[in-house]
C-alpha atoms as a PDB file:
ATOM      1  CA  ASN A   1    -147.695 -23.787 190.466  1.00  0.00           C
ATOM      2  CA  PHE A   2    -145.703 -27.001 190.729  1.00  0.00           C
ATOM      3  CA  ARG A   3    -148.367 -29.000 188.915  1.00  0.00           C
ATOM      4  CA  ASP A   4    -147.910 -26.930 185.745  1.00  0.00           C
ATOM      5  CA  ILE A   5    -144.111 -27.064 185.611  1.00  0.00           C
ATOM      6  CA  TYR A   6    -144.259 -30.871 185.716  1.00  0.00           C
ATOM      7  CA  ASP A   7    -147.137 -31.207 183.217  1.00  0.00           C
ATOM      8  CA  SER A   8    -145.985 -31.987 179.664  1.00  0.00           C
ATOM      9  CA  ASN A   9    -149.207 -30.473 178.283  1.00  0.00           C
ATOM     10  CA  LYS A  10    -148.279 -27.093 179.814  1.00  0.00           C
ATOM     11  CA  CYS A  11    -144.682 -27.198 178.544  1.00  0.00           C
ATOM     12  CA  ASP A  12    -143.403 -26.486 175.056  1.00  0.00           C
ATOM     13  CA  GLY A  13    -141.539 -29.557 173.830  1.00  0.00           C
ATOM     14  CA  ASP A  14    -139.585 -32.126 175.772  1.00  0.00           C
ATOM     15  CA  PHE A  15    -137.881 -31.060 178.998  1.00  0.00           C
ATOM     16  CA  TYR A  16    -136.175 -34.460 179.426  1.00  0.00           C
ATOM     17  CA  SER A  17    -137.174 -34.584 183.094  1.00  0.00           C
ATOM     18  CA  CYS A  18    -137.823 -37.908 184.788  1.00  0.00           C
ATOM     19  CA  MET A  19    -140.425 -36.217 187.029  1.00  0.00           C
ATOM     20  CA  THR A  20    -142.724 -34.959 184.246  1.00  0.00           C
ATOM     21  CA  ASP A  21    -146.303 -36.262 184.403  1.00  0.00           C
ATOM     22  CA  LYS A  22    -145.589 -38.473 187.438  1.00  0.00           C
ATOM     23  CA  GLY A  23    -147.550 -36.580 190.121  1.00  0.00           C
ATOM     24  CA  TYR A  24    -144.438 -36.107 192.270  1.00  0.00           C
ATOM     25  CA  HIS A  25    -144.806 -32.319 192.304  1.00  0.00           C
ATOM     26  CA  TYR A  26    -146.670 -32.469 195.635  1.00  0.00           C
ATOM     27  CA  PHE A  27    -143.332 -32.900 197.391  1.00  0.00           C
ATOM     28  CA  TYR A  28    -142.499 -29.221 196.781  1.00  0.00           C
ATOM     29  CA  SER A  29    -145.739 -27.857 198.181  1.00  0.00           C
ATOM     30  CA  ASP A  30    -146.164 -30.384 201.009  1.00  0.00           C
ATOM     31  CA  SER A  31    -142.679 -31.186 202.342  1.00  0.00           C
ATOM     32  CA  VAL A  32    -140.353 -28.214 201.780  1.00  0.00           C
ATOM     33  CA  ASP A  33    -140.437 -24.413 201.548  1.00  0.00           C
ATOM     34  CA  ALA A  34    -140.126 -23.965 197.803  1.00  0.00           C
ATOM     35  CA  SER A  35    -141.522 -21.962 194.911  1.00  0.00           C
ATOM     36  CA  ALA A  36    -141.974 -22.798 191.243  1.00  0.00           C
ATOM     37  CA  ALA A  37    -140.551 -20.397 188.680  1.00  0.00           C
ATOM     38  CA  TYR A  38    -140.991 -20.482 184.928  1.00  0.00           C
ATOM     39  CA  LEU A  39    -140.909 -18.560 181.670  1.00  0.00           C
ATOM     40  CA  LYS A  40    -143.690 -18.828 179.101  1.00  0.00           C
ATOM     41  CA  ASN A  41    -143.628 -18.269 175.363  1.00  0.00           C
ATOM     42  CA  GLU A  42    -146.092 -16.199 173.344  1.00  0.00           C
ATOM     43  CA  HIS A  43    -148.495 -19.169 173.253  1.00  0.00           C
ATOM     44  CA  GLY A  44    -148.622 -19.468 177.033  1.00  0.00           C
ATOM     45  CA  LYS A  45    -146.486 -22.628 177.120  1.00  0.00           C
ATOM     46  CA  ILE A  46    -143.707 -23.040 179.669  1.00  0.00           C
ATOM     47  CA  ILE A  47    -140.285 -22.910 177.992  1.00  0.00           C
ATOM     48  CA  ALA A  48    -138.073 -22.934 181.103  1.00  0.00           C
ATOM     49  CA  ARG A  49    -138.711 -23.868 184.711  1.00  0.00           C
ATOM     50  CA  CYS A  50    -136.945 -24.356 188.017  1.00  0.00           C
ATOM     51  CA  VAL A  51    -137.550 -24.827 191.714  1.00  0.00           C
ATOM     52  CA  ILE A  52    -136.525 -22.179 194.239  1.00  0.00           C
ATOM     53  CA  PHE A  53    -135.764 -23.412 197.730  1.00  0.00           C
ATOM     54  CA  ASN A  54    -136.775 -20.360 199.786  1.00  0.00           C
ATOM     55  CA  LYS A  55    -134.970 -21.215 203.027  1.00  0.00           C
ATOM     56  CA  VAL A  56    -131.608 -22.856 202.528  1.00  0.00           C
ATOM     57  CA  TYR A  57    -129.485 -22.785 205.648  1.00  0.00           C
ATOM     58  CA  GLU A  58    -125.717 -22.492 205.454  1.00  0.00           C
ATOM     59  CA  GLU A  59    -124.113 -24.842 207.970  1.00  0.00           C
ATOM     60  CA  GLY A  60    -122.246 -23.066 210.766  1.00  0.00           C
ATOM     61  CA  THR A  61    -123.674 -19.608 210.024  1.00  0.00           C
ATOM     62  CA  ASN A  62    -126.921 -17.705 210.427  1.00  0.00           C
ATOM     63  CA  LYS A  63    -127.106 -17.137 206.653  1.00  0.00           C
ATOM     64  CA  ILE A  64    -130.268 -18.195 204.854  1.00  0.00           C
ATOM     65  CA  TRP A  65    -130.154 -18.458 201.079  1.00  0.00           C
ATOM     66  CA  ARG A  66    -132.803 -18.629 198.365  1.00  0.00           C
ATOM     67  CA  LEU A  67    -131.373 -21.075 195.841  1.00  0.00           C
ATOM     68  CA  ALA A  68    -132.758 -22.066 192.450  1.00  0.00           C
ATOM     69  CA  GLU A  69    -132.151 -25.522 191.051  1.00  0.00           C
ATOM     70  CA  ARG A  70    -133.649 -28.165 188.774  1.00  0.00           C
ATOM     71  CA  GLN A  71    -133.568 -25.854 185.755  1.00  0.00           C
ATOM     72  CA  TYR A  72    -135.167 -27.489 182.752  1.00  0.00           C
ATOM     73  CA  SER A  73    -136.174 -26.059 179.402  1.00  0.00           C
ATOM     74  CA  THR A  74    -137.487 -26.893 175.983  1.00  0.00           C
ATOM     75  CA  ASN A  75    -135.032 -29.319 174.391  1.00  0.00           C
ATOM     76  CA  GLN A  76    -132.550 -28.680 177.251  1.00  0.00           C
ATOM     77  CA  ASP A  77    -131.758 -25.229 175.861  1.00  0.00           C
ATOM     78  CA  ASP A  78    -129.219 -23.635 178.238  1.00  0.00           C
ATOM     79  CA  VAL A  79    -130.003 -20.155 176.847  1.00  0.00           C
ATOM     80  CA  LEU A  80    -133.595 -20.496 178.085  1.00  0.00           C
ATOM     81  CA  LYS A  81    -132.423 -21.777 181.469  1.00  0.00           C
ATOM     82  CA  ARG A  82    -130.035 -18.840 181.765  1.00  0.00           C
ATOM     83  CA  ALA A  83    -132.818 -16.412 180.797  1.00  0.00           C
ATOM     84  CA  LEU A  84    -134.945 -17.786 183.637  1.00  0.00           C
ATOM     85  CA  VAL A  85    -132.090 -17.484 186.133  1.00  0.00           C
ATOM     86  CA  ASN A  86    -131.397 -13.913 184.969  1.00  0.00           C
ATOM     87  CA  ALA A  87    -135.074 -12.979 185.385  1.00  0.00           C
ATOM     88  CA  LEU A  88    -135.013 -14.391 188.929  1.00  0.00           C
ATOM     89  CA  ILE A  89    -131.847 -12.423 189.747  1.00  0.00           C
ATOM     90  CA  ILE A  90    -133.215  -9.171 188.306  1.00  0.00           C
ATOM     91  CA  GLY A  91    -136.495  -9.690 190.174  1.00  0.00           C
ATOM     92  CA  GLY A  92    -134.648 -10.257 193.452  1.00  0.00           C
ATOM     93  CA  TYR A  93    -136.107 -13.748 193.946  1.00  0.00           C
ATOM     94  CA  ILE A  94    -132.864 -15.684 194.466  1.00  0.00           C
ATOM     95  CA  ASP A  95    -129.451 -15.315 196.101  1.00  0.00           C
ATOM     96  CA  GLY A  96    -127.854 -18.137 194.134  1.00  0.00           C
ATOM     97  CA  TYR A  97    -128.532 -21.015 191.791  1.00  0.00           C
ATOM     98  CA  LYS A  98    -127.282 -24.357 190.608  1.00  0.00           C
ATOM     99  CA  GLN A  99    -124.944 -23.721 187.720  1.00  0.00           C
ATOM    100  CA  VAL A 100    -126.733 -23.982 184.405  1.00  0.00           C
ATOM    101  CA  GLY A 101    -125.688 -27.109 182.565  1.00  0.00           C
ATOM    102  CA  TYR A 102    -124.693 -29.134 185.638  1.00  0.00           C
ATOM    103  CA  ASP A 103    -126.502 -32.416 185.993  1.00  0.00           C
ATOM    104  CA  CYS A 104    -128.253 -34.072 188.914  1.00  0.00           C
ATOM    105  CA  HIS A 105    -125.056 -35.699 190.208  1.00  0.00           C
ATOM    106  CA  HIS A 106    -123.514 -32.390 191.318  1.00  0.00           C
ATOM    107  CA  SER A 107    -125.117 -31.570 194.674  1.00  0.00           C
ATOM    108  CA  LYS A 108    -122.763 -28.713 195.523  1.00  0.00           C
ATOM    109  CA  SER A 109    -122.527 -26.869 192.198  1.00  0.00           C
ATOM    110  CA  PHE A 110    -124.186 -23.647 193.351  1.00  0.00           C
ATOM    111  CA  VAL A 111    -123.015 -20.116 192.619  1.00  0.00           C
ATOM    112  CA  ASP A 112    -124.194 -16.808 194.033  1.00  0.00           C
ATOM    113  CA  ILE A 113    -125.923 -14.257 191.792  1.00  0.00           C
ATOM    114  CA  TYR A 114    -122.535 -12.768 190.902  1.00  0.00           C
ATOM    115  CA  GLY A 115    -121.175 -16.111 189.698  1.00  0.00           C
ATOM    116  CA  ASN A 116    -118.974 -16.821 192.731  1.00  0.00           C
ATOM    117  CA  SER A 117    -118.722 -20.502 193.583  1.00  0.00           C
ATOM    118  CA  LEU A 118    -120.571 -21.795 196.642  1.00  0.00           C
ATOM    119  CA  GLU A 119    -119.219 -25.339 196.293  1.00  0.00           C
ATOM    120  CA  ASP A 120    -117.392 -25.113 199.625  1.00  0.00           C
ATOM    121  CA  LYS A 121    -120.666 -24.315 201.443  1.00  0.00           C
ATOM    122  CA  LYS A 122    -122.625 -26.956 203.304  1.00  0.00           C
ATOM    123  CA  PHE A 123    -126.347 -26.342 202.870  1.00  0.00           C
ATOM    124  CA  TYR A 124    -129.480 -27.930 204.270  1.00  0.00           C
ATOM    125  CA  ILE A 125    -133.234 -27.399 204.096  1.00  0.00           C
ATOM    126  CA  ASP A 126    -136.086 -28.247 206.408  1.00  0.00           C
ATOM    127  CA  CYS A 127    -137.882 -31.256 204.989  1.00  0.00           C
ATOM    128  CA  ASN A 128    -141.002 -32.844 206.412  1.00  0.00           C
ATOM    129  CA  LEU A 129    -141.108 -36.171 204.628  1.00  0.00           C
ATOM    130  CA  GLY A 130    -142.655 -39.384 205.905  1.00  0.00           C
ATOM    131  CA  THR A 131    -141.992 -42.880 204.584  1.00  0.00           C
ATOM    132  CA  GLU A 132    -145.295 -42.923 202.660  1.00  0.00           C
ATOM    133  CA  ASP A 133    -145.096 -39.350 201.320  1.00  0.00           C
ATOM    134  CA  THR A 134    -144.608 -38.372 197.697  1.00  0.00           C
ATOM    135  CA  LEU A 135    -140.987 -37.665 196.804  1.00  0.00           C
ATOM    136  CA  SER A 136    -139.585 -35.916 193.790  1.00  0.00           C
ATOM    137  CA  TYR A 137    -136.065 -36.951 192.802  1.00  0.00           C
ATOM    138  CA  GLN A 138    -133.583 -34.632 194.498  1.00  0.00           C
ATOM    139  CA  ASP A 139    -130.504 -33.235 192.767  1.00  0.00           C
ATOM    140  CA  SER A 140    -128.922 -31.307 195.618  1.00  0.00           C
ATOM    141  CA  PHE A 141    -130.627 -31.886 198.954  1.00  0.00           C
ATOM    142  CA  LYS A 142    -130.433 -35.646 198.775  1.00  0.00           C
ATOM    143  CA  TRP A 143    -129.169 -36.858 202.161  1.00  0.00           C
ATOM    144  CA  TYR A 144    -132.213 -36.954 204.434  1.00  0.00           C
ATOM    145  CA  ASP A 145    -132.246 -37.173 208.232  1.00  0.00           C
ATOM    146  CA  MET A 146    -135.825 -38.053 209.079  1.00  0.00           C
ATOM    147  CA  GLU A 147    -135.508 -37.437 212.831  1.00  0.00           C
ATOM    148  CA  ALA A 148    -134.003 -33.986 212.322  1.00  0.00           C
ATOM    149  CA  GLY A 149    -136.363 -33.223 209.412  1.00  0.00           C
ATOM    150  CA  LYS A 150    -133.491 -31.951 207.284  1.00  0.00           C
ATOM    151  CA  ALA A 151    -132.135 -32.702 203.825  1.00  0.00           C
ATOM    152  CA  TYR A 152    -128.482 -31.890 203.102  1.00  0.00           C
ATOM    153  CA  ASN A 153    -126.426 -31.209 199.982  1.00  0.00           C
ATOM    154  CA  TYR A 154    -123.572 -33.202 201.514  1.00  0.00           C
ATOM    155  CA  GLU A 155    -123.368 -36.608 203.117  1.00  0.00           C
ATOM    156  CA  VAL A 156    -123.879 -36.455 206.892  1.00  0.00           C
ATOM    157  CA  ASN A 157    -123.467 -39.118 209.542  1.00  0.00           C
ATOM    158  CA  GLY A 158    -126.688 -40.792 210.543  1.00  0.00           C
ATOM    159  CA  TYR A 159    -128.793 -39.851 207.528  1.00  0.00           C
ATOM    160  CA  ASP A 160    -131.736 -42.176 206.874  1.00  0.00           C
ATOM    161  CA  TYR A 161    -132.357 -41.932 203.147  1.00  0.00           C
ATOM    162  CA  GLU A 162    -130.744 -40.862 199.912  1.00  0.00           C
ATOM    163  CA  LEU A 163    -133.384 -38.911 198.018  1.00  0.00           C
ATOM    164  CA  ASP A 164    -131.736 -39.282 194.620  1.00  0.00           C
ATOM    165  CA  THR A 165    -132.779 -42.892 194.062  1.00  0.00           C
END
């Protein structure tokens, strides 16, 4: 439920996310293959959330990853973010994640579920985004080739848009 993870009324405290309450959550359900993940407290409020990209392709291989990113939590608490990542690992929902604590300027700061760096990997996702479509700020898959319908975590020749602006 992308609407809930970006709704300040559903979250406990401030998540310090520039996308909260903006209506940009449609990007994840309409343009990419992604899932919302979150932890709730005893009052039913979201205390940590992230986005899982379900089909992340590794350039030059046939490997498809499920990568979690955009971890946010109440008051930017890294312990809560880590608890969410651990729950996703234990549940078998992800193969890797953006390192907890890294900011939006680090597009390649992924690790696998064992903590091994994936920074040397070139990843991309399918992305069906038109010029008038809703866009949520992108941390990792920010170089967009509209003709190919792909967003990359590294700068590629001929990309049309940077999705982190």
